[in-house]
Amino acid sequence: MQHLNKAFIEKLRFNKDGLIPAIAQDWLDGAVLMLAWMNRSSIELTISSGEVHYWSRSRKEIWHKGETSGHTQLLKGIRYDCDADVILLTIKQTGSVACHTGLRSCFFEQAGEQQTNKEEQLSLLPPSDACSELFNVINHRKFSPEPNSYTNNLFQGGDNKILKKIGEESAEFVMACKDENNSSIANEAADLIYHLQVAIAHHGVPWRDVLEVLESRKGAPRRQANSQ
């Protein structure tokens, strides 16, 4: 994380108790993990230490997230909304557990949907970007097969079937680009990404590993084009 200038704190609109709500968001897939409160001191301490500190309204003291559990939050960036009365923390969650219940996210309740049991309720993953959610579904099919599932059919066929489909979808994507058909390009790209994810899941590689590689390439030295 680049060094943050604390001057932005002067722009924040704290409530009458000197507090501001802070949303913690995963740095890779954008999943919302939790909401807590911060004051000026906890924000300054978060910036200086690189680990998130909140304000505990019940204990009336600064709370170092994960100090006892080990589930610390490494700060990646801070934003604030248009009214400057809510801040968004981009964080790397140690141990993938942000909620005191032991779950990745505090937001596992779904409004308007009846949960059959508590176990099912607690198994819900927080909403994230479309590719990460797709991979979660694919990975779930791998360990919990469903009848007539195309994904399971691919898994059963192994590399031979999966890689053949990747070759076919790659060719179709190339042709869509050559035809300059934007709708076809989007559809073929989606098909290609799906089959790539099936291959990745088949080999037991977590999708987050792919995201971390992409993230690590930000700001990397530019590749030089080969001179002809």
C-alpha atoms as a PDB file:
ATOM      1  CA  MET A   1       0.000   0.000   0.000  1.00  0.00           C
ATOM      2  CA  GLN A   2       1.303   3.416  -0.887  1.00  0.00           C
ATOM      3  CA  HIS A   3       1.756   5.877   1.945  1.00  0.00           C
ATOM      4  CA  LEU A   4      -1.524   7.649   2.658  1.00  0.00           C
ATOM      5  CA  ASN A   5      -1.679  11.331   3.398  1.00  0.00           C
ATOM      6  CA  LYS A   6      -3.775  11.870   6.525  1.00  0.00           C
ATOM      7  CA  ALA A   7      -5.009  15.231   5.260  1.00  0.00           C
ATOM      8  CA  PHE A   8      -8.170  13.594   3.887  1.00  0.00           C
ATOM      9  CA  ILE A   9      -9.369  13.038   7.461  1.00  0.00           C
ATOM     10  CA  GLU A  10     -10.181  16.755   7.661  1.00  0.00           C
ATOM     11  CA  LYS A  11     -12.763  16.255   4.907  1.00  0.00           C
ATOM     12  CA  LEU A  12     -14.633  13.488   6.751  1.00  0.00           C
ATOM     13  CA  ARG A  13     -17.957  14.228   8.444  1.00  0.00           C
ATOM     14  CA  PHE A  14     -17.952  12.462  11.800  1.00  0.00           C
ATOM     15  CA  ASN A  15     -21.215  12.121  13.742  1.00  0.00           C
ATOM     16  CA  LYS A  16     -21.911  13.904  17.035  1.00  0.00           C
ATOM     17  CA  ASP A  17     -19.945  11.188  18.862  1.00  0.00           C
ATOM     18  CA  GLY A  18     -16.923  11.699  16.644  1.00  0.00           C
ATOM     19  CA  LEU A  19     -17.509   8.431  14.777  1.00  0.00           C
ATOM     20  CA  ILE A  20     -17.893   7.412  11.149  1.00  0.00           C
ATOM     21  CA  PRO A  21     -19.091   4.044   9.735  1.00  0.00           C
ATOM     22  CA  ALA A  22     -16.390   2.034   7.959  1.00  0.00           C
ATOM     23  CA  ILE A  23     -17.095  -0.742   5.459  1.00  0.00           C
ATOM     24  CA  ALA A  24     -14.383  -3.378   4.991  1.00  0.00           C
ATOM     25  CA  GLN A  25     -14.150  -4.772   1.452  1.00  0.00           C
ATOM     26  CA  ASP A  26     -11.956  -7.600   0.177  1.00  0.00           C
ATOM     27  CA  TRP A  27      -9.078  -6.270  -1.930  1.00  0.00           C
ATOM     28  CA  LEU A  28      -9.380  -8.961  -4.621  1.00  0.00           C
ATOM     29  CA  ASP A  29     -13.008  -9.909  -5.269  1.00  0.00           C
ATOM     30  CA  GLY A  30     -14.745  -6.860  -3.787  1.00  0.00           C
ATOM     31  CA  ALA A  31     -16.794  -8.861  -1.265  1.00  0.00           C
ATOM     32  CA  VAL A  32     -18.193  -6.760   1.587  1.00  0.00           C
ATOM     33  CA  LEU A  33     -16.871  -8.333   4.782  1.00  0.00           C
ATOM     34  CA  MET A  34     -18.079  -6.197   7.674  1.00  0.00           C
ATOM     35  CA  LEU A  35     -19.108  -2.782   8.944  1.00  0.00           C
ATOM     36  CA  ALA A  36     -17.739  -1.157  12.064  1.00  0.00           C
ATOM     37  CA  TRP A  37     -17.033   2.327  13.422  1.00  0.00           C
ATOM     38  CA  MET A  38     -13.900   4.440  13.439  1.00  0.00           C
ATOM     39  CA  ASN A  39     -12.876   7.741  14.972  1.00  0.00           C
ATOM     40  CA  ARG A  40     -10.046  10.082  14.058  1.00  0.00           C
ATOM     41  CA  SER A  41      -7.524   8.275  16.264  1.00  0.00           C
ATOM     42  CA  SER A  42      -8.364   4.809  14.930  1.00  0.00           C
ATOM     43  CA  ILE A  43      -8.061   6.045  11.337  1.00  0.00           C
ATOM     44  CA  GLU A  44      -4.679   7.616  12.063  1.00  0.00           C
ATOM     45  CA  LEU A  45      -3.498   4.431  13.799  1.00  0.00           C
ATOM     46  CA  THR A  46      -4.740   2.322  10.892  1.00  0.00           C
ATOM     47  CA  ILE A  47      -2.761   4.415   8.425  1.00  0.00           C
ATOM     48  CA  SER A  48       0.421   4.489  10.496  1.00  0.00           C
ATOM     49  CA  SER A  49       0.391   0.769  11.384  1.00  0.00           C
ATOM     50  CA  GLY A  50      -0.984  -0.640   8.126  1.00  0.00           C
ATOM     51  CA  GLU A  51      -3.454  -2.789  10.082  1.00  0.00           C
ATOM     52  CA  VAL A  52      -7.076  -1.780  10.608  1.00  0.00           C
ATOM     53  CA  HIS A  53      -8.142  -0.406  13.981  1.00  0.00           C
ATOM     54  CA  TYR A  54     -11.787   0.329  14.762  1.00  0.00           C
ATOM     55  CA  TRP A  55     -13.567   2.054  17.628  1.00  0.00           C
ATOM     56  CA  SER A  56     -15.552  -0.235  19.918  1.00  0.00           C
ATOM     57  CA  ARG A  57     -18.746   1.548  20.926  1.00  0.00           C
ATOM     58  CA  SER A  58     -19.463  -0.999  23.669  1.00  0.00           C
ATOM     59  CA  ARG A  59     -15.997  -0.904  25.269  1.00  0.00           C
ATOM     60  CA  LYS A  60     -15.356   2.765  24.459  1.00  0.00           C
ATOM     61  CA  GLU A  61     -11.856   2.047  23.218  1.00  0.00           C
ATOM     62  CA  ILE A  62      -9.823   1.496  20.057  1.00  0.00           C
ATOM     63  CA  TRP A  63     -10.127  -2.061  18.793  1.00  0.00           C
ATOM     64  CA  HIS A  64      -7.262  -3.635  16.829  1.00  0.00           C
ATOM     65  CA  LYS A  65      -9.075  -6.039  14.526  1.00  0.00           C
ATOM     66  CA  GLY A  66      -7.732  -9.584  14.963  1.00  0.00           C
ATOM     67  CA  GLU A  67      -5.450  -8.758  17.884  1.00  0.00           C
ATOM     68  CA  THR A  68      -6.635 -11.828  19.825  1.00  0.00           C
ATOM     69  CA  SER A  69      -7.977 -14.034  17.008  1.00  0.00           C
ATOM     70  CA  GLY A  70      -5.142 -13.445  14.568  1.00  0.00           C
ATOM     71  CA  HIS A  71      -7.654 -12.420  11.876  1.00  0.00           C
ATOM     72  CA  THR A  72      -6.059  -9.059  11.246  1.00  0.00           C
ATOM     73  CA  GLN A  73      -6.942  -6.788   8.346  1.00  0.00           C
ATOM     74  CA  LEU A  74      -4.101  -5.364   6.262  1.00  0.00           C
ATOM     75  CA  LEU A  75      -4.993  -1.995   4.799  1.00  0.00           C
ATOM     76  CA  LYS A  76      -4.786  -1.685   1.005  1.00  0.00           C
ATOM     77  CA  GLY A  77      -6.593   1.618   0.544  1.00  0.00           C
ATOM     78  CA  ILE A  78      -9.218   4.041   1.852  1.00  0.00           C
ATOM     79  CA  ARG A  79     -12.026   5.823   0.029  1.00  0.00           C
ATOM     80  CA  TYR A  80     -14.924   7.922   1.243  1.00  0.00           C
ATOM     81  CA  ASP A  81     -18.361   8.544  -0.241  1.00  0.00           C
ATOM     82  CA  CYS A  82     -19.736  11.681  -1.906  1.00  0.00           C
ATOM     83  CA  ASP A  83     -21.054  13.008   1.416  1.00  0.00           C
ATOM     84  CA  ALA A  84     -17.804  12.145   3.224  1.00  0.00           C
ATOM     85  CA  ASP A  85     -19.777  10.468   6.012  1.00  0.00           C
ATOM     86  CA  VAL A  86     -18.894   6.825   5.219  1.00  0.00           C
ATOM     87  CA  ILE A  87     -15.463   5.346   4.512  1.00  0.00           C
ATOM     88  CA  LEU A  88     -14.575   2.250   2.506  1.00  0.00           C
ATOM     89  CA  LEU A  89     -11.551   0.215   3.560  1.00  0.00           C
ATOM     90  CA  THR A  90      -9.968  -2.049   0.971  1.00  0.00           C
ATOM     91  CA  ILE A  91      -8.340  -4.777   3.034  1.00  0.00           C
ATOM     92  CA  LYS A  92      -6.569  -8.110   2.904  1.00  0.00           C
ATOM     93  CA  GLN A  93      -8.247 -10.308   5.509  1.00  0.00           C
ATOM     94  CA  THR A  94      -5.862 -12.614   7.336  1.00  0.00           C
ATOM     95  CA  GLY A  95      -7.322 -16.099   7.666  1.00  0.00           C
ATOM     96  CA  SER A  96     -10.326 -15.250   5.454  1.00  0.00           C
ATOM     97  CA  VAL A  97     -12.463 -14.699   8.575  1.00  0.00           C
ATOM     98  CA  ALA A  98     -13.885 -11.229   9.243  1.00  0.00           C
ATOM     99  CA  CYS A  99     -17.021 -12.074  11.260  1.00  0.00           C
ATOM    100  CA  HIS A 100     -17.005 -13.005  14.950  1.00  0.00           C
ATOM    101  CA  THR A 101     -19.146 -16.048  14.002  1.00  0.00           C
ATOM    102  CA  GLY A 102     -16.133 -17.530  12.232  1.00  0.00           C
ATOM    103  CA  LEU A 103     -17.433 -16.743   8.753  1.00  0.00           C
ATOM    104  CA  ARG A 104     -15.739 -14.799   6.009  1.00  0.00           C
ATOM    105  CA  SER A 105     -18.363 -12.036   6.014  1.00  0.00           C
ATOM    106  CA  CYS A 106     -20.869 -10.676   8.507  1.00  0.00           C
ATOM    107  CA  PHE A 107     -23.412 -10.355   5.683  1.00  0.00           C
ATOM    108  CA  PHE A 108     -24.809 -13.874   5.420  1.00  0.00           C
ATOM    109  CA  GLU A 109     -28.487 -13.091   6.058  1.00  0.00           C
ATOM    110  CA  GLN A 110     -30.606 -12.795   2.904  1.00  0.00           C
ATOM    111  CA  ALA A 111     -33.694 -10.596   3.010  1.00  0.00           C
ATOM    112  CA  GLY A 112     -36.862 -12.141   1.631  1.00  0.00           C
ATOM    113  CA  GLU A 113     -35.434 -15.665   1.452  1.00  0.00           C
ATOM    114  CA  GLN A 114     -36.378 -18.372   3.906  1.00  0.00           C
ATOM    115  CA  GLN A 115     -33.463 -20.399   5.167  1.00  0.00           C
ATOM    116  CA  THR A 116     -34.192 -24.055   5.778  1.00  0.00           C
ATOM    117  CA  ASN A 117     -31.681 -24.392   8.587  1.00  0.00           C
ATOM    118  CA  LYS A 118     -28.904 -22.495  10.323  1.00  0.00           C
ATOM    119  CA  GLU A 119     -26.182 -24.572   8.647  1.00  0.00           C
ATOM    120  CA  GLU A 120     -27.433 -23.573   5.205  1.00  0.00           C
ATOM    121  CA  GLN A 121     -27.695 -19.968   6.308  1.00  0.00           C
ATOM    122  CA  LEU A 122     -24.117 -19.863   7.555  1.00  0.00           C
ATOM    123  CA  SER A 123     -22.754 -21.541   4.415  1.00  0.00           C
ATOM    124  CA  LEU A 124     -23.668 -18.573   2.223  1.00  0.00           C
ATOM    125  CA  LEU A 125     -20.765 -16.752   0.625  1.00  0.00           C
ATOM    126  CA  PRO A 126     -20.816 -12.954   0.448  1.00  0.00           C
ATOM    127  CA  PRO A 127     -21.651 -11.465  -2.948  1.00  0.00           C
ATOM    128  CA  SER A 128     -18.547 -10.568  -4.922  1.00  0.00           C
ATOM    129  CA  ASP A 129     -17.552  -9.991  -8.539  1.00  0.00           C
ATOM    130  CA  ALA A 130     -19.272 -12.140 -11.190  1.00  0.00           C
ATOM    131  CA  CYS A 131     -16.194 -14.219 -12.011  1.00  0.00           C
ATOM    132  CA  SER A 132     -15.547 -15.136  -8.382  1.00  0.00           C
ATOM    133  CA  GLU A 133     -19.192 -16.079  -7.865  1.00  0.00           C
ATOM    134  CA  LEU A 134     -19.133 -18.202 -11.021  1.00  0.00           C
ATOM    135  CA  PHE A 135     -16.041 -20.030  -9.796  1.00  0.00           C
ATOM    136  CA  ASN A 136     -17.739 -20.703  -6.457  1.00  0.00           C
ATOM    137  CA  VAL A 137     -20.624 -22.375  -8.307  1.00  0.00           C
ATOM    138  CA  ILE A 138     -18.247 -24.413 -10.465  1.00  0.00           C
ATOM    139  CA  ASN A 139     -16.233 -25.517  -7.453  1.00  0.00           C
ATOM    140  CA  HIS A 140     -19.434 -26.459  -5.613  1.00  0.00           C
ATOM    141  CA  ARG A 141     -20.459 -28.660  -8.559  1.00  0.00           C
ATOM    142  CA  LYS A 142     -17.093 -30.404  -8.325  1.00  0.00           C
ATOM    143  CA  PHE A 143     -17.682 -31.543  -4.743  1.00  0.00           C
ATOM    144  CA  SER A 144     -21.498 -31.740  -4.873  1.00  0.00           C
ATOM    145  CA  PRO A 145     -22.412 -33.091  -8.331  1.00  0.00           C
ATOM    146  CA  GLU A 146     -25.899 -32.490  -9.683  1.00  0.00           C
ATOM    147  CA  PRO A 147     -27.779 -34.654 -12.210  1.00  0.00           C
ATOM    148  CA  ASN A 148     -27.609 -33.470 -15.833  1.00  0.00           C
ATOM    149  CA  SER A 149     -25.087 -30.767 -14.932  1.00  0.00           C
ATOM    150  CA  TYR A 150     -22.975 -29.645 -17.886  1.00  0.00           C
ATOM    151  CA  THR A 151     -20.221 -28.650 -15.476  1.00  0.00           C
ATOM    152  CA  ASN A 152     -20.161 -32.117 -13.918  1.00  0.00           C
ATOM    153  CA  ASN A 153     -20.126 -33.639 -17.397  1.00  0.00           C
ATOM    154  CA  LEU A 154     -16.960 -31.672 -18.099  1.00  0.00           C
ATOM    155  CA  PHE A 155     -15.375 -32.750 -14.809  1.00  0.00           C
ATOM    156  CA  GLN A 156     -16.141 -36.391 -15.608  1.00  0.00           C
ATOM    157  CA  GLY A 157     -14.453 -36.022 -18.978  1.00  0.00           C
ATOM    158  CA  GLY A 158     -11.283 -34.717 -17.347  1.00  0.00           C
ATOM    159  CA  ASP A 159      -8.566 -32.776 -19.133  1.00  0.00           C
ATOM    160  CA  ASN A 160      -9.289 -34.284 -22.534  1.00  0.00           C
ATOM    161  CA  LYS A 161     -12.836 -32.943 -22.614  1.00  0.00           C
ATOM    162  CA  ILE A 162     -12.191 -29.682 -20.749  1.00  0.00           C
ATOM    163  CA  LEU A 163      -9.134 -28.654 -22.766  1.00  0.00           C
ATOM    164  CA  LYS A 164     -10.831 -29.551 -26.040  1.00  0.00           C
ATOM    165  CA  LYS A 165     -13.656 -27.173 -25.127  1.00  0.00           C
ATOM    166  CA  ILE A 166     -11.170 -24.434 -24.266  1.00  0.00           C
ATOM    167  CA  GLY A 167      -9.630 -24.835 -27.718  1.00  0.00           C
ATOM    168  CA  GLU A 168     -13.045 -24.637 -29.378  1.00  0.00           C
ATOM    169  CA  GLU A 169     -14.140 -21.618 -27.361  1.00  0.00           C
ATOM    170  CA  SER A 170     -10.817 -19.853 -28.028  1.00  0.00           C
ATOM    171  CA  ALA A 171     -11.305 -20.279 -31.758  1.00  0.00           C
ATOM    172  CA  GLU A 172     -14.886 -18.986 -31.546  1.00  0.00           C
ATOM    173  CA  PHE A 173     -13.695 -15.962 -29.558  1.00  0.00           C
ATOM    174  CA  VAL A 174     -11.048 -15.209 -32.172  1.00  0.00           C
ATOM    175  CA  MET A 175     -13.602 -15.413 -34.988  1.00  0.00           C
ATOM    176  CA  ALA A 176     -16.003 -13.124 -33.091  1.00  0.00           C
ATOM    177  CA  CYS A 177     -13.223 -10.551 -32.790  1.00  0.00           C
ATOM    178  CA  LYS A 178     -12.392 -10.833 -36.494  1.00  0.00           C
ATOM    179  CA  ASP A 179     -16.085 -10.336 -37.306  1.00  0.00           C
ATOM    180  CA  GLU A 180     -16.093  -7.230 -35.067  1.00  0.00           C
ATOM    181  CA  ASN A 181     -19.382  -8.334 -33.527  1.00  0.00           C
ATOM    182  CA  ASN A 182     -19.444  -6.845 -30.021  1.00  0.00           C
ATOM    183  CA  SER A 183     -22.326  -9.011 -28.817  1.00  0.00           C
ATOM    184  CA  SER A 184     -20.620 -12.184 -30.027  1.00  0.00           C
ATOM    185  CA  ILE A 185     -17.302 -11.089 -28.541  1.00  0.00           C
ATOM    186  CA  ALA A 186     -18.923 -10.650 -25.110  1.00  0.00           C
ATOM    187  CA  ASN A 187     -20.716 -14.021 -25.322  1.00  0.00           C
ATOM    188  CA  GLU A 188     -17.695 -15.946 -26.550  1.00  0.00           C
ATOM    189  CA  ALA A 189     -15.476 -14.285 -23.929  1.00  0.00           C
ATOM    190  CA  ALA A 190     -17.938 -15.390 -21.221  1.00  0.00           C
ATOM    191  CA  ASP A 191     -17.902 -18.967 -22.583  1.00  0.00           C
ATOM    192  CA  LEU A 192     -14.105 -18.973 -22.647  1.00  0.00           C
ATOM    193  CA  ILE A 193     -13.804 -17.660 -19.090  1.00  0.00           C
ATOM    194  CA  TYR A 194     -16.278 -20.283 -17.867  1.00  0.00           C
ATOM    195  CA  HIS A 195     -14.351 -23.175 -19.430  1.00  0.00           C
ATOM    196  CA  LEU A 196     -11.037 -21.763 -18.187  1.00  0.00           C
ATOM    197  CA  GLN A 197     -12.487 -21.734 -14.669  1.00  0.00           C
ATOM    198  CA  VAL A 198     -13.626 -25.353 -15.028  1.00  0.00           C
ATOM    199  CA  ALA A 199     -10.041 -26.309 -15.921  1.00  0.00           C
ATOM    200  CA  ILE A 200      -8.676 -24.297 -12.997  1.00  0.00           C
ATOM    201  CA  ALA A 201     -11.140 -25.938 -10.570  1.00  0.00           C
ATOM    202  CA  HIS A 202     -10.389 -29.371 -12.044  1.00  0.00           C
ATOM    203  CA  HIS A 203      -6.736 -28.923 -11.105  1.00  0.00           C
ATOM    204  CA  GLY A 204      -7.582 -27.637  -7.628  1.00  0.00           C
ATOM    205  CA  VAL A 205      -6.214 -24.131  -8.120  1.00  0.00           C
ATOM    206  CA  PRO A 206      -8.126 -21.485  -6.118  1.00  0.00           C
ATOM    207  CA  TRP A 207      -9.525 -18.602  -8.180  1.00  0.00           C
ATOM    208  CA  ARG A 208      -7.998 -16.186  -5.675  1.00  0.00           C
ATOM    209  CA  ASP A 209      -4.559 -17.399  -6.787  1.00  0.00           C
ATOM    210  CA  VAL A 210      -5.370 -16.125 -10.272  1.00  0.00           C
ATOM    211  CA  LEU A 211      -6.637 -12.811  -8.883  1.00  0.00           C
ATOM    212  CA  GLU A 212      -3.504 -12.406  -6.765  1.00  0.00           C
ATOM    213  CA  VAL A 213      -1.303 -12.907  -9.839  1.00  0.00           C
ATOM    214  CA  LEU A 214      -3.277 -10.263 -11.721  1.00  0.00           C
ATOM    215  CA  GLU A 215      -3.078  -7.890  -8.745  1.00  0.00           C
ATOM    216  CA  SER A 216       0.675  -8.437  -8.419  1.00  0.00           C
ATOM    217  CA  ARG A 217       1.151  -7.297 -11.999  1.00  0.00           C
ATOM    218  CA  LYS A 218      -0.261  -3.843 -11.318  1.00  0.00           C
ATOM    219  CA  GLY A 219       2.518  -1.325 -11.640  1.00  0.00           C
ATOM    220  CA  ALA A 220       4.943  -3.971 -12.899  1.00  0.00           C
ATOM    221  CA  PRO A 221       7.537  -2.869 -15.482  1.00  0.00           C
ATOM    222  CA  ARG A 222       6.003  -2.695 -18.938  1.00  0.00           C
ATOM    223  CA  ARG A 223       6.900  -5.410 -21.387  1.00  0.00           C
ATOM    224  CA  GLN A 224       8.915  -4.228 -24.322  1.00  0.00           C
ATOM    225  CA  ALA A 225       7.569  -5.085 -27.744  1.00  0.00           C
ATOM    226  CA  ASN A 226       9.897  -7.262 -29.776  1.00  0.00           C
ATOM    227  CA  SER A 227      11.636  -5.203 -32.407  1.00  0.00           C
ATOM    228  CA  GLN A 228      11.384  -6.645 -35.906  1.00  0.00           C
END
